[in-house]
């Protein structure tokens, strides 16, 4: 079972829960992920920051930091423990992430006996150039309960939205400005019991869920599941 987030920046972007074993590498600034000719987004795993460019070609010196954009982790097995921003684990001064286009991987460590790993990637479909040009980036997480009791776990993606976005039930948020590129942050999960929420409130830090009422210009989309002991999502 996997949880999936879909993030749309340029016209569309996506992310979800995934994982694998990672060797410790000396951190990178992230791979430029996005459809061919559609701009790109970079996730700098060792700092937890995002950088974007909406022009093409993407030169390495024209990325701009996406202020206050980050991943966040919520866990609760009786007491809520939140990690924000969510970053790659640092071991002996080395960040556990690697980025070779079109893939970006990171191990986010263990928080409250919840282990988190990430794989991000660009759309790749060699049978269809149009599909590879779609303006998406995918961020897929895998969460594992390494404890002996059940735990609530959630991952959120927080992003500046420029204007108040619209909540899309069961998916996330999308932009409403008529004079700008359409953008969205969507989420999904293969777990039918997963809770997908969005908003600008503080509910994520207390319950792992938002109130589904976006407001202002800084909002987040969250996916929450309950993990049995030693279970993986």
Protein backbone atom coordinates (compact mmCIF):
# COMPACT_ATOMS: atom_id res chain seq x y z
CA UNK A 1 0.00 0.00 0.00
CA UNK A 2 1.35 3.39 -0.94
CA UNK A 3 0.35 6.95 -0.18
CA UNK A 4 0.65 9.48 -2.97
CA UNK A 5 0.85 13.25 -3.18
CA UNK A 6 0.41 15.06 -6.49
CA UNK A 7 1.84 18.58 -6.62
CA UNK A 8 1.20 21.01 -9.46
CA UNK A 9 3.46 24.06 -9.71
CA UNK A 10 3.83 25.13 -13.33
CA UNK A 11 0.62 23.69 -14.55
CA UNK A 12 0.92 20.46 -12.59
CA UNK A 13 3.30 18.56 -10.24
CA UNK A 14 2.95 15.43 -8.08
CA UNK A 15 4.27 13.50 -5.03
CA UNK A 16 3.62 10.25 -3.13
CA UNK A 17 4.95 7.79 -0.51
CA UNK A 18 7.65 5.27 -1.53
CA UNK A 19 10.93 3.90 -0.24
CA UNK A 20 14.02 1.72 -0.47
CA UNK A 21 17.37 1.28 1.31
CA UNK A 22 19.78 4.17 0.79
CA UNK A 23 23.54 4.40 1.19
CA UNK A 24 24.81 7.52 2.89
CA UNK A 25 26.01 10.01 0.28
CA UNK A 26 27.26 13.56 0.56
CA UNK A 27 24.08 15.58 -0.01
CA UNK A 28 23.09 17.27 -3.26
CA UNK A 29 20.96 20.31 -4.09
CA UNK A 30 18.41 18.07 -5.82
CA UNK A 31 17.65 17.08 -9.40
CA UNK A 32 15.66 19.54 -11.58
CA UNK A 33 12.37 17.69 -11.89
CA UNK A 34 9.57 18.59 -14.30
CA UNK A 35 8.25 17.95 -17.78
CA UNK A 36 10.55 18.65 -20.72
CA UNK A 37 10.32 22.36 -21.54
CA UNK A 38 7.95 22.99 -18.63
CA UNK A 39 10.23 24.45 -15.98
CA UNK A 40 11.44 22.48 -12.98
CA UNK A 41 11.42 22.13 -9.20
CA UNK A 42 14.36 21.04 -7.05
CA UNK A 43 14.13 19.61 -3.53
CA UNK A 44 17.31 20.17 -1.53
CA UNK A 45 16.92 17.25 0.87
CA UNK A 46 19.68 18.16 3.32
CA UNK A 47 18.10 21.58 3.98
CA UNK A 48 14.46 20.68 3.30
CA UNK A 49 14.08 23.65 0.92
CA UNK A 50 12.51 23.88 -2.54
CA UNK A 51 13.70 25.83 -5.58
CA UNK A 52 11.80 26.45 -8.82
CA UNK A 53 12.17 27.90 -12.29
CA UNK A 54 9.27 28.41 -14.69
CA UNK A 55 11.27 29.09 -17.83
CA UNK A 56 13.11 26.80 -20.20
CA UNK A 57 15.81 25.83 -20.72
CA UNK A 58 16.55 25.45 -17.01
CA UNK A 59 19.99 26.88 -16.30
CA UNK A 60 21.41 25.87 -12.94
CA UNK A 61 21.81 29.51 -11.89
CA UNK A 62 18.24 30.72 -12.40
CA UNK A 63 16.40 28.67 -9.76
CA UNK A 64 14.66 30.74 -7.10
CA UNK A 65 13.91 29.56 -3.57
CA UNK A 66 10.25 28.75 -2.97
CA UNK A 67 9.95 30.53 0.37
CA UNK A 68 8.39 28.50 3.22
CA UNK A 69 7.85 25.45 0.99
CA UNK A 70 8.70 22.20 2.76
CA UNK A 71 7.63 18.70 3.71
CA UNK A 72 6.42 18.08 7.26
CA UNK A 73 5.99 14.88 9.29
CA UNK A 74 3.37 14.25 11.98
CA UNK A 75 3.43 11.18 14.24
CA UNK A 76 1.35 10.23 17.27
CA UNK A 77 1.47 7.13 19.45
CA UNK A 78 -0.05 8.82 22.48
CA UNK A 79 1.90 12.05 22.10
CA UNK A 80 2.23 14.10 18.93
CA UNK A 81 5.75 14.48 17.54
CA UNK A 82 6.18 16.77 14.54
CA UNK A 83 9.25 17.28 12.35
CA UNK A 84 9.25 20.44 10.25
CA UNK A 85 10.84 20.83 7.85
CA UNK A 86 11.38 17.19 6.95
CA UNK A 87 15.01 16.75 5.87
CA UNK A 88 17.43 14.03 4.86
CA UNK A 89 19.19 12.30 7.74
CA UNK A 90 22.72 13.53 8.43
CA UNK A 91 25.20 10.82 9.49
CA UNK A 92 28.83 11.69 10.21
CA UNK A 93 28.26 14.99 8.46
CA UNK A 94 26.91 13.37 5.30
CA UNK A 95 23.33 13.72 4.05
CA UNK A 96 21.51 10.52 3.04
CA UNK A 97 20.26 11.75 -0.32
CA UNK A 98 21.24 11.47 -3.96
CA UNK A 99 20.02 13.15 -7.14
CA UNK A 100 20.73 11.99 -10.68
CA UNK A 101 18.15 13.18 -13.22
CA UNK A 102 15.38 12.11 -13.52
CA UNK A 103 15.42 10.65 -9.97
CA UNK A 104 15.98 12.20 -6.54
CA UNK A 105 16.17 9.96 -3.45
CA UNK A 106 16.51 10.62 0.27
CA UNK A 107 16.26 8.87 3.61
CA UNK A 108 14.57 11.15 6.14
CA UNK A 109 15.53 9.18 9.23
CA UNK A 110 13.43 7.82 12.10
CA UNK A 111 11.14 10.08 14.13
CA UNK A 112 9.07 8.65 16.99
CA UNK A 113 9.85 5.18 15.57
CA UNK A 114 8.50 6.16 12.15
CA UNK A 115 11.02 5.76 9.34
CA UNK A 116 10.57 7.89 6.21
CA UNK A 117 12.16 7.60 2.76
CA UNK A 118 11.55 9.51 -0.47
CA UNK A 119 11.87 9.03 -4.19
CA UNK A 120 11.10 11.99 -6.46
CA UNK A 121 11.11 11.84 -10.25
CA UNK A 122 10.21 13.54 -13.52
CA UNK A 123 7.58 12.13 -15.91
CA UNK A 124 9.36 9.65 -18.18
CA UNK A 125 7.55 7.88 -21.01
CA UNK A 126 9.81 7.16 -23.97
CA UNK A 127 6.81 6.05 -26.04
CA UNK A 128 5.27 9.52 -25.80
CA UNK A 129 7.17 12.80 -25.90
CA UNK A 130 3.94 14.76 -25.16
CA UNK A 131 3.55 12.84 -21.89
CA UNK A 132 7.15 13.62 -20.94
CA UNK A 133 6.43 17.31 -21.54
CA UNK A 134 3.60 17.45 -19.01
CA UNK A 135 4.57 19.89 -16.22
CA UNK A 136 4.58 17.43 -13.33
CA UNK A 137 7.06 16.46 -10.64
CA UNK A 138 6.40 13.43 -8.46
CA UNK A 139 7.42 13.04 -4.81
CA UNK A 140 6.75 9.59 -3.41
CA UNK A 141 7.26 8.62 0.24
CA UNK A 142 7.34 5.38 2.16
CA UNK A 143 6.67 5.38 5.90
CA UNK A 144 7.44 2.44 8.22
CA UNK A 145 6.35 1.98 11.82
CA UNK A 146 9.47 0.59 13.49
CA UNK A 147 7.78 0.53 16.89
CA UNK A 148 5.77 -2.16 18.70
CA UNK A 149 2.53 -0.15 18.94
CA UNK A 150 0.28 1.41 16.30
CA UNK A 151 0.97 4.99 15.26
CA UNK A 152 -0.79 7.76 13.35
CA UNK A 153 1.52 9.17 10.69
CA UNK A 154 1.04 11.97 8.19
CA UNK A 155 3.16 13.85 5.69
CA UNK A 156 2.26 17.33 4.48
CA UNK A 157 3.55 19.50 1.69
CA UNK A 158 3.45 23.21 2.53
CA UNK A 159 3.68 25.74 -0.30
CA UNK A 160 3.16 29.49 -0.85
CA UNK A 161 0.10 29.83 -3.06
CA UNK A 162 0.18 33.49 -4.10
CA UNK A 163 -3.60 33.74 -3.69
CA UNK A 164 -6.20 31.76 -1.78
CA UNK A 165 -6.46 28.34 -3.47
CA UNK A 166 -9.56 26.19 -3.85
CA UNK A 167 -9.91 22.96 -1.87
CA UNK A 168 -10.56 19.91 -4.05
CA UNK A 169 -12.13 17.16 -1.95
CA UNK A 170 -10.07 13.98 -1.81
CA UNK A 171 -7.21 15.60 -3.73
CA UNK A 172 -5.81 18.83 -2.29
CA UNK A 173 -5.67 22.41 -3.55
CA UNK A 174 -5.56 24.23 -6.88
CA UNK A 175 -5.04 27.85 -7.85
CA UNK A 176 -7.95 30.13 -8.67
CA UNK A 177 -6.21 33.17 -10.17
CA UNK A 178 -7.44 33.77 -13.73
CA UNK A 179 -4.39 35.78 -14.79
CA UNK A 180 -1.74 33.20 -13.85
CA UNK A 181 -0.62 29.69 -14.69
CA UNK A 182 -2.80 27.01 -13.16
CA UNK A 183 -1.11 25.27 -10.23
CA UNK A 184 -2.18 22.51 -7.89
CA UNK A 185 -0.98 20.28 -5.08
CA UNK A 186 -2.80 16.95 -5.23
CA UNK A 187 -2.45 13.87 -3.05
CA UNK A 188 -3.65 10.28 -3.18
CA UNK A 189 -3.14 6.97 -1.43
CA UNK A 190 -3.63 3.32 -2.24
CA UNK A 191 -4.95 3.01 1.33
CA UNK A 192 -8.70 3.61 1.15
CA UNK A 193 -8.65 4.69 4.82
CA UNK A 194 -6.09 7.44 4.29
CA UNK A 195 -7.27 10.96 5.11
CA UNK A 196 -6.37 13.68 2.61
CA UNK A 197 -6.80 17.22 3.89
CA UNK A 198 -5.67 20.76 3.11
CA UNK A 199 -5.63 24.21 4.64
CA UNK A 200 -3.60 26.93 6.30
CA UNK A 201 -4.59 26.15 9.90
CA UNK A 202 -2.44 24.56 12.63
CA UNK A 203 -4.42 21.33 12.66
CA UNK A 204 -1.60 19.34 11.07
CA UNK A 205 0.67 19.85 14.07
CA UNK A 206 -1.98 18.68 16.54
CA UNK A 207 -3.87 15.98 14.62
CA UNK A 208 -2.08 15.39 11.30
CA UNK A 209 -5.08 16.88 9.48
CA UNK A 210 -5.99 20.32 8.12
CA UNK A 211 -9.47 21.88 8.23
CA UNK A 212 -10.05 21.78 4.44
CA UNK A 213 -10.48 25.55 4.37
CA UNK A 214 -7.51 27.11 2.55
CA UNK A 215 -6.85 30.76 3.33
CA UNK A 216 -4.11 33.32 2.88
CA UNK A 217 -1.08 32.60 0.74
CA UNK A 218 0.58 29.71 2.62
CA UNK A 219 -1.25 26.39 2.59
CA UNK A 220 -0.51 22.69 2.84
CA UNK A 221 -1.87 19.34 1.69
CA UNK A 222 -1.57 16.34 4.02
CA UNK A 223 -2.02 12.57 3.84
CA UNK A 224 -2.60 10.69 7.11
CA UNK A 225 -2.68 6.95 7.84
CA UNK A 226 -2.63 4.67 10.87
CA UNK A 227 0.21 2.15 10.86
CA UNK A 228 0.13 -1.10 12.80
CA UNK A 229 3.33 -2.21 14.55
CA UNK A 230 6.08 -2.92 11.98
CA UNK A 231 3.76 -1.96 9.10
CA UNK A 232 4.83 -0.02 6.02
CA UNK A 233 2.76 2.35 3.87
